[in-house]
PDB file of N, CA and C in Angstrom:
ATOM      1  N   VAL A   1       0.893  -1.214   0.001  1.00  0.00           N
ATOM      2  CA  VAL A   1      -0.068   0.063  -0.084  1.00  0.00           C
ATOM      3  C   VAL A   1       0.923   1.233  -0.069  1.00  0.00           C
ATOM      4  N   GLN A   2       0.583   2.196  -0.950  1.00  0.00           N
ATOM      5  CA  GLN A   2       1.288   3.441  -0.939  1.00  0.00           C
ATOM      6  C   GLN A   2       0.276   4.650  -0.699  1.00  0.00           C
ATOM      7  N   LEU A   3       0.747   5.579  -0.077  1.00  0.00           N
ATOM      8  CA  LEU A   3      -0.078   6.676   0.243  1.00  0.00           C
ATOM      9  C   LEU A   3       0.490   8.091  -0.067  1.00  0.00           C
ATOM     10  N   GLN A   4      -0.244   8.750  -0.905  1.00  0.00           N
ATOM     11  CA  GLN A   4       0.417   9.953  -1.441  1.00  0.00           C
ATOM     12  C   GLN A   4      -0.541  11.288  -0.726  1.00  0.00           C
ATOM     13  N   ALA A   5       0.177  12.010  -0.129  1.00  0.00           N
ATOM     14  CA  ALA A   5      -0.536  13.030   0.598  1.00  0.00           C
ATOM     15  C   ALA A   5      -0.200  14.433  -0.071  1.00  0.00           C
ATOM     16  N   SER A   6      -1.080  15.235  -0.184  1.00  0.00           N
ATOM     17  CA  SER A   6      -0.872  16.619  -0.670  1.00  0.00           C
ATOM     18  C   SER A   6      -1.805  17.688  -0.101  1.00  0.00           C
ATOM     19  N   GLY A   7      -1.355  18.939  -0.284  1.00  0.00           N
ATOM     20  CA  GLY A   7      -2.395  19.983   0.209  1.00  0.00           C
ATOM     21  C   GLY A   7      -1.729  20.777   1.404  1.00  0.00           C
ATOM     22  N   GLY A   8      -0.684  20.463   1.774  1.00  0.00           N
ATOM     23  CA  GLY A   8       0.059  21.304   2.804  1.00  0.00           C
ATOM     24  C   GLY A   8       0.548  22.566   2.335  1.00  0.00           C
ATOM     25  N   GLY A   9       0.822  23.517   3.153  1.00  0.00           N
ATOM     26  CA  GLY A   9       1.513  24.900   2.778  1.00  0.00           C
ATOM     27  C   GLY A   9       1.528  25.759   3.898  1.00  0.00           C
ATOM     28  N   LEU A  10       1.652  27.053   3.579  1.00  0.00           N
ATOM     29  CA  LEU A  10       1.672  27.950   4.461  1.00  0.00           C
ATOM     30  C   LEU A  10       0.451  28.935   4.413  1.00  0.00           C
ATOM     31  N   VAL A  11      -0.071  29.144   5.757  1.00  0.00           N
ATOM     32  CA  VAL A  11      -1.399  29.893   5.802  1.00  0.00           C
ATOM     33  C   VAL A  11      -1.300  30.735   7.021  1.00  0.00           C
ATOM     34  N   GLN A  12      -2.170  31.952   7.065  1.00  0.00           N
ATOM     35  CA  GLN A  12      -2.250  32.649   8.185  1.00  0.00           C
ATOM     36  C   GLN A  12      -3.112  32.110   9.138  1.00  0.00           C
ATOM     37  N   ALA A  13      -2.935  32.536  10.381  1.00  0.00           N
ATOM     38  CA  ALA A  13      -3.652  32.046  11.473  1.00  0.00           C
ATOM     39  C   ALA A  13      -5.208  32.518  11.146  1.00  0.00           C
ATOM     40  N   GLY A  14      -6.264  31.561  11.440  1.00  0.00           N
ATOM     41  CA  GLY A  14      -7.541  31.793  11.044  1.00  0.00           C
ATOM     42  C   GLY A  14      -7.926  31.408   9.733  1.00  0.00           C
ATOM     43  N   GLY A  15      -6.917  31.008   8.941  1.00  0.00           N
ATOM     44  CA  GLY A  15      -7.250  30.424   7.530  1.00  0.00           C
ATOM     45  C   GLY A  15      -7.627  29.026   7.591  1.00  0.00           C
ATOM     46  N   SER A  16      -7.636  28.498   6.328  1.00  0.00           N
ATOM     47  CA  SER A  16      -8.120  27.193   6.026  1.00  0.00           C
ATOM     48  C   SER A  16      -7.202  26.406   5.053  1.00  0.00           C
ATOM     49  N   LEU A  17      -7.224  25.138   5.110  1.00  0.00           N
ATOM     50  CA  LEU A  17      -6.266  24.306   4.202  1.00  0.00           C
ATOM     51  C   LEU A  17      -6.924  22.980   4.106  1.00  0.00           C
ATOM     52  N   ARG A  18      -6.927  22.347   3.025  1.00  0.00           N
ATOM     53  CA  ARG A  18      -7.468  20.890   2.834  1.00  0.00           C
ATOM     54  C   ARG A  18      -6.411  20.055   2.391  1.00  0.00           C
ATOM     55  N   LEU A  19      -6.261  19.032   3.165  1.00  0.00           N
ATOM     56  CA  LEU A  19      -5.293  17.827   2.892  1.00  0.00           C
ATOM     57  C   LEU A  19      -5.906  16.766   2.174  1.00  0.00           C
ATOM     58  N   SER A  20      -5.239  16.110   1.355  1.00  0.00           N
ATOM     59  CA  SER A  20      -5.811  15.074   0.649  1.00  0.00           C
ATOM     60  C   SER A  20      -4.666  13.804   0.687  1.00  0.00           C
ATOM     61  N   CYS A  21      -5.180  12.609   0.716  1.00  0.00           N
ATOM     62  CA  CYS A  21      -4.222  11.355   0.628  1.00  0.00           C
ATOM     63  C   CYS A  21      -4.972  10.364  -0.023  1.00  0.00           C
ATOM     64  N   GLN A  22      -4.284   9.784  -1.144  1.00  0.00           N
ATOM     65  CA  GLN A  22      -4.890   8.829  -1.868  1.00  0.00           C
ATOM     66  C   GLN A  22      -3.903   7.543  -1.635  1.00  0.00           C
ATOM     67  N   ALA A  23      -4.740   6.476  -1.395  1.00  0.00           N
ATOM     68  CA  ALA A  23      -4.089   5.065  -1.004  1.00  0.00           C
ATOM     69  C   ALA A  23      -4.230   4.292  -2.416  1.00  0.00           C
ATOM     70  N   SER A  24      -2.983   3.660  -2.749  1.00  0.00           N
ATOM     71  CA  SER A  24      -2.961   2.812  -3.837  1.00  0.00           C
ATOM     72  C   SER A  24      -2.423   1.400  -3.635  1.00  0.00           C
ATOM     73  N   GLY A  25      -2.429   0.507  -4.399  1.00  0.00           N
ATOM     74  CA  GLY A  25      -1.907  -0.808  -4.122  1.00  0.00           C
ATOM     75  C   GLY A  25      -3.044  -1.711  -3.698  1.00  0.00           C
ATOM     76  N   ARG A  26      -2.769  -2.731  -2.853  1.00  0.00           N
ATOM     77  CA  ARG A  26      -3.659  -3.699  -2.423  1.00  0.00           C
ATOM     78  C   ARG A  26      -4.600  -3.074  -1.378  1.00  0.00           C
ATOM     79  N   ILE A  27      -5.687  -2.339  -1.791  1.00  0.00           N
ATOM     80  CA  ILE A  27      -6.500  -1.816  -0.747  1.00  0.00           C
ATOM     81  C   ILE A  27      -7.657  -2.750  -0.357  1.00  0.00           C
ATOM     82  N   LEU A  28      -7.891  -3.060   0.905  1.00  0.00           N
ATOM     83  CA  LEU A  28      -9.030  -3.865   1.298  1.00  0.00           C
ATOM     84  C   LEU A  28     -10.143  -2.912   1.683  1.00  0.00           C
ATOM     85  N   ARG A  29     -11.364  -3.429   1.577  1.00  0.00           N
ATOM     86  CA  ARG A  29     -12.608  -2.662   1.850  1.00  0.00           C
ATOM     87  C   ARG A  29     -12.602  -2.092   3.227  1.00  0.00           C
ATOM     88  N   ILE A  30     -12.423  -2.981   4.155  1.00  0.00           N
ATOM     89  CA  ILE A  30     -12.463  -2.716   5.592  1.00  0.00           C
ATOM     90  C   ILE A  30     -11.197  -2.082   6.198  1.00  0.00           C
ATOM     91  N   ASN A  31     -11.214  -0.910   6.351  1.00  0.00           N
ATOM     92  CA  ASN A  31     -10.067  -0.143   6.743  1.00  0.00           C
ATOM     93  C   ASN A  31     -10.296   1.171   7.501  1.00  0.00           C
ATOM     94  N   THR A  32      -9.313   1.672   8.053  1.00  0.00           N
ATOM     95  CA  THR A  32      -9.317   2.893   8.744  1.00  0.00           C
ATOM     96  C   THR A  32      -8.113   3.917   8.201  1.00  0.00           C
ATOM     97  N   MET A  33      -8.713   5.066   7.863  1.00  0.00           N
ATOM     98  CA  MET A  33      -7.635   6.056   7.346  1.00  0.00           C
ATOM     99  C   MET A  33      -7.599   7.266   8.314  1.00  0.00           C
ATOM    100  N   GLY A  34      -6.444   7.873   8.402  1.00  0.00           N
ATOM    101  CA  GLY A  34      -6.477   8.940   9.340  1.00  0.00           C
ATOM    102  C   GLY A  34      -5.130   9.771   9.091  1.00  0.00           C
ATOM    103  N   TRP A  35      -5.394  10.894   9.835  1.00  0.00           N
ATOM    104  CA  TRP A  35      -4.285  11.854   9.966  1.00  0.00           C
ATOM    105  C   TRP A  35      -3.536  12.011  11.288  1.00  0.00           C
ATOM    106  N   TYR A  36      -2.378  12.027  11.195  1.00  0.00           N
ATOM    107  CA  TYR A  36      -1.543  12.371  12.234  1.00  0.00           C
ATOM    108  C   TYR A  36      -0.656  13.592  12.015  1.00  0.00           C
ATOM    109  N   ARG A  37      -0.109  14.022  13.097  1.00  0.00           N
ATOM    110  CA  ARG A  37       0.897  15.310  12.873  1.00  0.00           C
ATOM    111  C   ARG A  37       2.054  15.103  14.017  1.00  0.00           C
ATOM    112  N   GLN A  38       3.097  15.773  13.435  1.00  0.00           N
ATOM    113  CA  GLN A  38       4.308  15.738  14.385  1.00  0.00           C
ATOM    114  C   GLN A  38       4.951  17.063  14.174  1.00  0.00           C
ATOM    115  N   ALA A  39       4.946  17.809  15.418  1.00  0.00           N
ATOM    116  CA  ALA A  39       5.650  19.262  15.421  1.00  0.00           C
ATOM    117  C   ALA A  39       7.120  18.952  15.772  1.00  0.00           C
ATOM    118  N   PRO A  40       8.041  19.701  15.574  1.00  0.00           N
ATOM    119  CA  PRO A  40       9.367  19.774  16.047  1.00  0.00           C
ATOM    120  C   PRO A  40       9.424  19.502  17.472  1.00  0.00           C
ATOM    121  N   GLY A  41      10.199  18.471  17.766  1.00  0.00           N
ATOM    122  CA  GLY A  41      10.356  18.097  19.267  1.00  0.00           C
ATOM    123  C   GLY A  41       9.344  17.435  19.830  1.00  0.00           C
ATOM    124  N   ASN A  42       8.237  17.200  19.248  1.00  0.00           N
ATOM    125  CA  ASN A  42       7.079  16.616  19.729  1.00  0.00           C
ATOM    126  C   ASN A  42       7.026  15.021  19.175  1.00  0.00           C
ATOM    127  N   GLN A  43       6.162  14.280  19.856  1.00  0.00           N
ATOM    128  CA  GLN A  43       5.720  12.953  19.242  1.00  0.00           C
ATOM    129  C   GLN A  43       4.647  12.996  18.257  1.00  0.00           C
ATOM    130  N   ARG A  44       4.558  12.121  17.528  1.00  0.00           N
ATOM    131  CA  ARG A  44       3.551  12.066  16.561  1.00  0.00           C
ATOM    132  C   ARG A  44       2.288  11.906  17.251  1.00  0.00           C
ATOM    133  N   GLU A  45       1.252  12.815  16.874  1.00  0.00           N
ATOM    134  CA  GLU A  45      -0.135  12.444  17.659  1.00  0.00           C
ATOM    135  C   GLU A  45      -1.355  12.261  16.681  1.00  0.00           C
ATOM    136  N   LEU A  46      -2.256  11.771  17.121  1.00  0.00           N
ATOM    137  CA  LEU A  46      -3.429  11.549  16.290  1.00  0.00           C
ATOM    138  C   LEU A  46      -4.177  12.985  16.044  1.00  0.00           C
ATOM    139  N   VAL A  47      -4.670  13.235  14.875  1.00  0.00           N
ATOM    140  CA  VAL A  47      -5.520  14.412  14.421  1.00  0.00           C
ATOM    141  C   VAL A  47      -6.863  13.696  14.464  1.00  0.00           C
ATOM    142  N   ALA A  48      -7.086  12.838  13.513  1.00  0.00           N
ATOM    143  CA  ALA A  48      -8.362  12.327  13.302  1.00  0.00           C
ATOM    144  C   ALA A  48      -8.399  11.068  12.430  1.00  0.00           C
ATOM    145  N   THR A  49      -9.346  10.250  12.484  1.00  0.00           N
ATOM    146  CA  THR A  49      -9.445   8.933  11.983  1.00  0.00           C
ATOM    147  C   THR A  49     -10.838   8.886  11.464  1.00  0.00           C
ATOM    148  N   ILE A  50     -10.988   8.058  10.402  1.00  0.00           N
ATOM    149  CA  ILE A  50     -12.311   7.627   9.755  1.00  0.00           C
ATOM    150  C   ILE A  50     -12.327   6.245   9.236  1.00  0.00           C
ATOM    151  N   THR A  51     -13.311   5.461   9.627  1.00  0.00           N
ATOM    152  CA  THR A  51     -13.423   4.235   9.163  1.00  0.00           C
ATOM    153  C   THR A  51     -14.052   4.181   7.780  1.00  0.00           C
ATOM    154  N   ASP A  52     -13.969   2.887   7.235  1.00  0.00           N
ATOM    155  CA  ASP A  52     -14.772   2.695   5.920  1.00  0.00           C
ATOM    156  C   ASP A  52     -16.251   2.906   5.930  1.00  0.00           C
ATOM    157  N   GLY A  53     -16.729   2.829   7.200  1.00  0.00           N
ATOM    158  CA  GLY A  53     -18.061   2.898   7.286  1.00  0.00           C
ATOM    159  C   GLY A  53     -18.543   4.546   7.744  1.00  0.00           C
ATOM    160  N   GLY A  54     -17.457   5.248   7.897  1.00  0.00           N
ATOM    161  CA  GLY A  54     -17.618   6.745   8.133  1.00  0.00           C
ATOM    162  C   GLY A  54     -17.704   7.094   9.565  1.00  0.00           C
ATOM    163  N   ASP A  55     -17.284   6.207  10.506  1.00  0.00           N
ATOM    164  CA  ASP A  55     -17.231   6.498  11.968  1.00  0.00           C
ATOM    165  C   ASP A  55     -15.923   7.484  12.108  1.00  0.00           C
ATOM    166  N   THR A  56     -15.974   8.521  12.690  1.00  0.00           N
ATOM    167  CA  THR A  56     -14.849   9.359  12.901  1.00  0.00           C
ATOM    168  C   THR A  56     -14.408   9.606  14.533  1.00  0.00           C
ATOM    169  N   ASN A  57     -13.197  10.000  14.477  1.00  0.00           N
ATOM    170  CA  ASN A  57     -12.524  10.240  15.883  1.00  0.00           C
ATOM    171  C   ASN A  57     -11.622  11.390  15.692  1.00  0.00           C
ATOM    172  N   TYR A  58     -11.810  12.307  16.675  1.00  0.00           N
ATOM    173  CA  TYR A  58     -10.986  13.548  16.485  1.00  0.00           C
ATOM    174  C   TYR A  58     -10.301  13.677  17.803  1.00  0.00           C
ATOM    175  N   ALA A  59      -8.992  14.347  17.762  1.00  0.00           N
ATOM    176  CA  ALA A  59      -8.326  14.875  18.825  1.00  0.00           C
ATOM    177  C   ALA A  59      -9.193  15.993  19.423  1.00  0.00           C
ATOM    178  N   ASP A  60      -8.984  16.211  20.901  1.00  0.00           N
ATOM    179  CA  ASP A  60      -9.877  17.386  21.320  1.00  0.00           C
ATOM    180  C   ASP A  60      -9.475  18.640  20.971  1.00  0.00           C
ATOM    181  N   SER A  61      -8.166  18.818  20.499  1.00  0.00           N
ATOM    182  CA  SER A  61      -7.518  19.930  20.043  1.00  0.00           C
ATOM    183  C   SER A  61      -8.110  20.523  18.803  1.00  0.00           C
ATOM    184  N   VAL A  62      -8.614  19.737  17.956  1.00  0.00           N
ATOM    185  CA  VAL A  62      -9.059  20.002  16.643  1.00  0.00           C
ATOM    186  C   VAL A  62     -10.634  19.879  16.457  1.00  0.00           C
ATOM    187  N   LYS A  63     -11.295  19.322  17.438  1.00  0.00           N
ATOM    188  CA  LYS A  63     -12.749  19.287  17.413  1.00  0.00           C
ATOM    189  C   LYS A  63     -13.370  20.615  17.093  1.00  0.00           C
ATOM    190  N   GLY A  64     -14.323  20.626  16.072  1.00  0.00           N
ATOM    191  CA  GLY A  64     -14.981  21.924  15.809  1.00  0.00           C
ATOM    192  C   GLY A  64     -14.124  22.670  14.786  1.00  0.00           C
ATOM    193  N   ARG A  65     -13.018  22.405  14.352  1.00  0.00           N
ATOM    194  CA  ARG A  65     -12.255  23.069  13.463  1.00  0.00           C
ATOM    195  C   ARG A  65     -11.860  22.281  12.323  1.00  0.00           C
ATOM    196  N   PHE A  66     -11.564  20.989  12.524  1.00  0.00           N
ATOM    197  CA  PHE A  66     -11.093  20.126  11.402  1.00  0.00           C
ATOM    198  C   PHE A  66     -12.251  19.112  11.180  1.00  0.00           C
ATOM    199  N   THR A  67     -12.363  18.700   9.858  1.00  0.00           N
ATOM    200  CA  THR A  67     -13.381  17.682   9.485  1.00  0.00           C
ATOM    201  C   THR A  67     -12.615  16.693   8.471  1.00  0.00           C
ATOM    202  N   ILE A  68     -12.713  15.389   8.968  1.00  0.00           N
ATOM    203  CA  ILE A  68     -12.202  14.406   8.143  1.00  0.00           C
ATOM    204  C   ILE A  68     -13.250  13.665   7.354  1.00  0.00           C
ATOM    205  N   SER A  69     -12.911  13.391   6.230  1.00  0.00           N
ATOM    206  CA  SER A  69     -14.024  12.644   5.112  1.00  0.00           C
ATOM    207  C   SER A  69     -13.194  11.773   4.195  1.00  0.00           C
ATOM    208  N   ARG A  70     -13.895  10.930   3.512  1.00  0.00           N
ATOM    209  CA  ARG A  70     -13.161  10.018   2.637  1.00  0.00           C
ATOM    210  C   ARG A  70     -14.143   9.691   1.434  1.00  0.00           C
ATOM    211  N   ASP A  71     -13.445   9.464   0.358  1.00  0.00           N
ATOM    212  CA  ASP A  71     -14.192   8.897  -0.878  1.00  0.00           C
ATOM    213  C   ASP A  71     -13.691   7.517  -1.083  1.00  0.00           C
ATOM    214  N   ASN A  72     -14.413   6.455  -0.594  1.00  0.00           N
ATOM    215  CA  ASN A  72     -14.097   5.094  -0.796  1.00  0.00           C
ATOM    216  C   ASN A  72     -13.765   4.725  -2.334  1.00  0.00           C
ATOM    217  N   ALA A  73     -14.545   5.313  -3.322  1.00  0.00           N
ATOM    218  CA  ALA A  73     -14.331   4.935  -4.535  1.00  0.00           C
ATOM    219  C   ALA A  73     -12.976   5.431  -5.099  1.00  0.00           C
ATOM    220  N   LYS A  74     -12.433   6.430  -4.559  1.00  0.00           N
ATOM    221  CA  LYS A  74     -11.152   6.996  -4.914  1.00  0.00           C
ATOM    222  C   LYS A  74     -10.015   6.539  -3.951  1.00  0.00           C
ATOM    223  N   ASN A  75     -10.391   5.782  -2.819  1.00  0.00           N
ATOM    224  CA  ASN A  75      -9.338   5.424  -1.898  1.00  0.00           C
ATOM    225  C   ASN A  75      -8.770   6.724  -1.340  1.00  0.00           C
ATOM    226  N   THR A  76      -9.402   7.828  -1.019  1.00  0.00           N
ATOM    227  CA  THR A  76      -8.804   8.923  -0.637  1.00  0.00           C
ATOM    228  C   THR A  76      -9.485   9.559   0.621  1.00  0.00           C
ATOM    229  N   VAL A  77      -8.642  10.054   1.469  1.00  0.00           N
ATOM    230  CA  VAL A  77      -9.016  10.700   2.673  1.00  0.00           C
ATOM    231  C   VAL A  77      -8.664  12.105   2.663  1.00  0.00           C
ATOM    232  N   TYR A  78      -9.737  12.885   3.299  1.00  0.00           N
ATOM    233  CA  TYR A  78      -9.402  14.474   3.193  1.00  0.00           C
ATOM    234  C   TYR A  78      -9.340  15.020   4.642  1.00  0.00           C
ATOM    235  N   LEU A  79      -8.704  16.000   4.781  1.00  0.00           N
ATOM    236  CA  LEU A  79      -8.772  16.682   6.139  1.00  0.00           C
ATOM    237  C   LEU A  79      -8.984  18.182   5.771  1.00  0.00           C
ATOM    238  N   GLN A  80     -10.123  18.617   6.065  1.00  0.00           N
ATOM    239  CA  GLN A  80     -10.524  20.079   5.883  1.00  0.00           C
ATOM    240  C   GLN A  80     -10.071  20.735   7.169  1.00  0.00           C
ATOM    241  N   MET A  81      -9.236  21.731   7.184  1.00  0.00           N
ATOM    242  CA  MET A  81      -8.722  22.300   8.478  1.00  0.00           C
ATOM    243  C   MET A  81      -9.161  23.876   8.337  1.00  0.00           C
ATOM    244  N   SER A  82      -9.866  24.162   9.343  1.00  0.00           N
ATOM    245  CA  SER A  82     -10.352  25.608   9.447  1.00  0.00           C
ATOM    246  C   SER A  82     -10.032  26.269  10.621  1.00  0.00           C
ATOM    247  N   SER A  83      -9.975  27.647  10.779  1.00  0.00           N
ATOM    248  CA  SER A  83      -9.583  28.359  11.898  1.00  0.00           C
ATOM    249  C   SER A  83      -8.144  27.886  12.570  1.00  0.00           C
ATOM    250  N   LEU A  84      -7.508  27.890  11.542  1.00  0.00           N
ATOM    251  CA  LEU A  84      -6.027  27.357  11.974  1.00  0.00           C
ATOM    252  C   LEU A  84      -5.197  28.182  12.961  1.00  0.00           C
ATOM    253  N   LYS A  85      -4.569  27.494  13.724  1.00  0.00           N
ATOM    254  CA  LYS A  85      -3.874  28.204  14.813  1.00  0.00           C
ATOM    255  C   LYS A  85      -2.204  28.029  14.754  1.00  0.00           C
ATOM    256  N   SER A  86      -1.521  28.619  15.298  1.00  0.00           N
ATOM    257  CA  SER A  86      -0.048  28.479  15.002  1.00  0.00           C
ATOM    258  C   SER A  86       0.402  27.179  15.616  1.00  0.00           C
ATOM    259  N   GLU A  87      -0.372  26.716  16.594  1.00  0.00           N
ATOM    260  CA  GLU A  87      -0.080  25.363  17.180  1.00  0.00           C
ATOM    261  C   GLU A  87      -0.393  24.117  16.334  1.00  0.00           C
ATOM    262  N   ASP A  88      -1.193  24.523  15.122  1.00  0.00           N
ATOM    263  CA  ASP A  88      -1.453  23.376  14.252  1.00  0.00           C
ATOM    264  C   ASP A  88      -0.264  23.264  13.321  1.00  0.00           C
ATOM    265  N   THR A  89       0.830  24.005  13.407  1.00  0.00           N
ATOM    266  CA  THR A  89       1.980  23.851  12.464  1.00  0.00           C
ATOM    267  C   THR A  89       2.708  22.530  12.890  1.00  0.00           C
ATOM    268  N   ALA A  90       2.840  21.734  11.778  1.00  0.00           N
ATOM    269  CA  ALA A  90       3.417  20.380  11.933  1.00  0.00           C
ATOM    270  C   ALA A  90       3.614  19.654  10.630  1.00  0.00           C
ATOM    271  N   VAL A  91       4.249  18.592  10.565  1.00  0.00           N
ATOM    272  CA  VAL A  91       4.045  17.876   9.427  1.00  0.00           C
ATOM    273  C   VAL A  91       2.965  16.645   9.710  1.00  0.00           C
ATOM    274  N   TYR A  92       1.965  16.630   8.641  1.00  0.00           N
ATOM    275  CA  TYR A  92       0.871  16.122   8.796  1.00  0.00           C
ATOM    276  C   TYR A  92       1.047  14.551   7.885  1.00  0.00           C
ATOM    277  N   PHE A  93       0.825  13.448   8.536  1.00  0.00           N
ATOM    278  CA  PHE A  93       0.966  12.226   7.788  1.00  0.00           C
ATOM    279  C   PHE A  93      -0.368  11.523   7.751  1.00  0.00           C
ATOM    280  N   CYS A  94      -0.670  10.794   6.749  1.00  0.00           N
ATOM    281  CA  CYS A  94      -1.839  10.111   6.618  1.00  0.00           C
ATOM    282  C   CYS A  94      -1.369   8.701   6.715  1.00  0.00           C
ATOM    283  N   LYS A  95      -2.424   7.834   7.260  1.00  0.00           N
ATOM    284  CA  LYS A  95      -2.136   6.535   7.588  1.00  0.00           C
ATOM    285  C   LYS A  95      -3.274   5.490   7.148  1.00  0.00           C
ATOM    286  N   TYR A  96      -3.066   4.388   6.712  1.00  0.00           N
ATOM    287  CA  TYR A  96      -4.037   3.382   6.389  1.00  0.00           C
ATOM    288  C   TYR A  96      -3.732   2.123   7.265  1.00  0.00           C
ATOM    289  N   SER A  97      -4.835   1.669   7.853  1.00  0.00           N
ATOM    290  CA  SER A  97      -4.751   0.591   8.721  1.00  0.00           C
ATOM    291  C   SER A  97      -5.732  -0.412   8.585  1.00  0.00           C
ATOM    292  N   LEU A  98      -5.621  -1.717   8.983  1.00  0.00           N
ATOM    293  CA  LEU A  98      -6.630  -2.696   8.980  1.00  0.00           C
ATOM    294  C   LEU A  98      -6.954  -3.055  10.403  1.00  0.00           C
ATOM    295  N   PRO A  99      -8.039  -3.615  10.588  1.00  0.00           N
ATOM    296  CA  PRO A  99      -8.351  -3.955  12.069  1.00  0.00           C
ATOM    297  C   PRO A  99      -7.581  -4.929  12.518  1.00  0.00           C
ATOM    298  N   TRP A 100      -6.853  -5.964  11.895  1.00  0.00           N
ATOM    299  CA  TRP A 100      -6.000  -6.880  12.296  1.00  0.00           C
ATOM    300  C   TRP A 100      -4.544  -6.629  12.081  1.00  0.00           C
ATOM    301  N   ALA A 101      -4.378  -5.367  11.622  1.00  0.00           N
ATOM    302  CA  ALA A 101      -2.958  -4.847  11.347  1.00  0.00           C
ATOM    303  C   ALA A 101      -2.929  -3.301  11.745  1.00  0.00           C
ATOM    304  N   PRO A 102      -3.030  -2.971  12.992  1.00  0.00           N
ATOM    305  CA  PRO A 102      -3.225  -1.409  13.271  1.00  0.00           C
ATOM    306  C   PRO A 102      -2.029  -0.693  13.041  1.00  0.00           C
ATOM    307  N   ASP A 103      -0.855  -1.271  12.999  1.00  0.00           N
ATOM    308  CA  ASP A 103       0.436  -0.668  12.729  1.00  0.00           C
ATOM    309  C   ASP A 103       0.186   0.082  11.305  1.00  0.00           C
ATOM    310  N   GLY A 104      -0.412  -0.603  10.360  1.00  0.00           N
ATOM    311  CA  GLY A 104      -0.682  -0.017   9.005  1.00  0.00           C
ATOM    312  C   GLY A 104       0.467   0.542   8.245  1.00  0.00           C
ATOM    313  N   TYR A 105       0.089   1.526   7.225  1.00  0.00           N
ATOM    314  CA  TYR A 105       1.119   2.061   6.419  1.00  0.00           C
ATOM    315  C   TYR A 105       0.940   3.519   6.546  1.00  0.00           C
ATOM    316  N   TRP A 106       2.135   4.366   6.383  1.00  0.00           N
ATOM    317  CA  TRP A 106       2.125   5.663   6.511  1.00  0.00           C
ATOM    318  C   TRP A 106       2.594   6.294   5.192  1.00  0.00           C
ATOM    319  N   GLY A 107       2.170   7.531   5.098  1.00  0.00           N
ATOM    320  CA  GLY A 107       2.475   8.422   3.849  1.00  0.00           C
ATOM    321  C   GLY A 107       3.715   9.150   4.437  1.00  0.00           C
ATOM    322  N   ARG A 108       4.361   9.881   3.419  1.00  0.00           N
ATOM    323  CA  ARG A 108       5.503  10.693   3.694  1.00  0.00           C
ATOM    324  C   ARG A 108       5.315  11.777   4.481  1.00  0.00           C
ATOM    325  N   GLY A 109       4.128  12.442   4.496  1.00  0.00           N
ATOM    326  CA  GLY A 109       3.945  13.762   5.187  1.00  0.00           C
ATOM    327  C   GLY A 109       3.963  14.912   4.386  1.00  0.00           C
ATOM    328  N   THR A 110       3.120  15.646   4.827  1.00  0.00           N
ATOM    329  CA  THR A 110       2.983  17.175   4.177  1.00  0.00           C
ATOM    330  C   THR A 110       3.135  18.281   5.272  1.00  0.00           C
ATOM    331  N   GLN A 111       3.931  19.190   5.013  1.00  0.00           N
ATOM    332  CA  GLN A 111       4.112  20.235   5.837  1.00  0.00           C
ATOM    333  C   GLN A 111       3.010  21.381   5.963  1.00  0.00           C
ATOM    334  N   VAL A 112       2.459  21.697   7.126  1.00  0.00           N
ATOM    335  CA  VAL A 112       1.410  22.665   7.373  1.00  0.00           C
ATOM    336  C   VAL A 112       2.087  23.708   8.353  1.00  0.00           C
ATOM    337  N   THR A 113       2.192  24.974   7.798  1.00  0.00           N
ATOM    338  CA  THR A 113       2.723  25.932   8.542  1.00  0.00           C
ATOM    339  C   THR A 113       1.734  27.115   8.860  1.00  0.00           C
ATOM    340  N   VAL A 114       1.317  27.437  10.021  1.00  0.00           N
ATOM    341  CA  VAL A 114       0.471  28.532  10.236  1.00  0.00           C
ATOM    342  C   VAL A 114       1.128  29.651  10.984  1.00  0.00           C
ATOM    343  N   SER A 115       1.093  30.776  10.233  1.00  0.00           N
ATOM    344  CA  SER A 115       1.705  31.974  10.694  1.00  0.00           C
ATOM    345  C   SER A 115       0.937  32.770  11.567  1.00  0.00           C
ATOM    346  N   SER A 116       1.340  33.405  12.610  1.00  0.00           N
ATOM    347  CA  SER A 116       0.593  34.217  13.419  1.00  0.00           C
ATOM    348  C   SER A 116       0.642  35.642  13.192  1.00  0.00           C
TER     349      SER A 116
END
């Protein structure tokens, strides 16, 4: 499984960005896709996940500001980020995982920088 993320960039505080991540290869129908982020000096942390059935989970820090969605036909997951804050600055990674293989696969990451 390969994951290709896009959509990162530089944005002012209060602005919006939309990240996309397309999975390719041997994609199984039952899966979870998600976004994680890692800021300099910090551990990688969960941002949001979404199952193939559409169940979502968000970090408290992004609830109400970020929305995760997916297009199963395109094997693509999206992260709509609004009301961005400087503390959202990080490298954002997408992940594809299976119920029986939670370690999953990771994309290469895309940089999001929010200027205050």
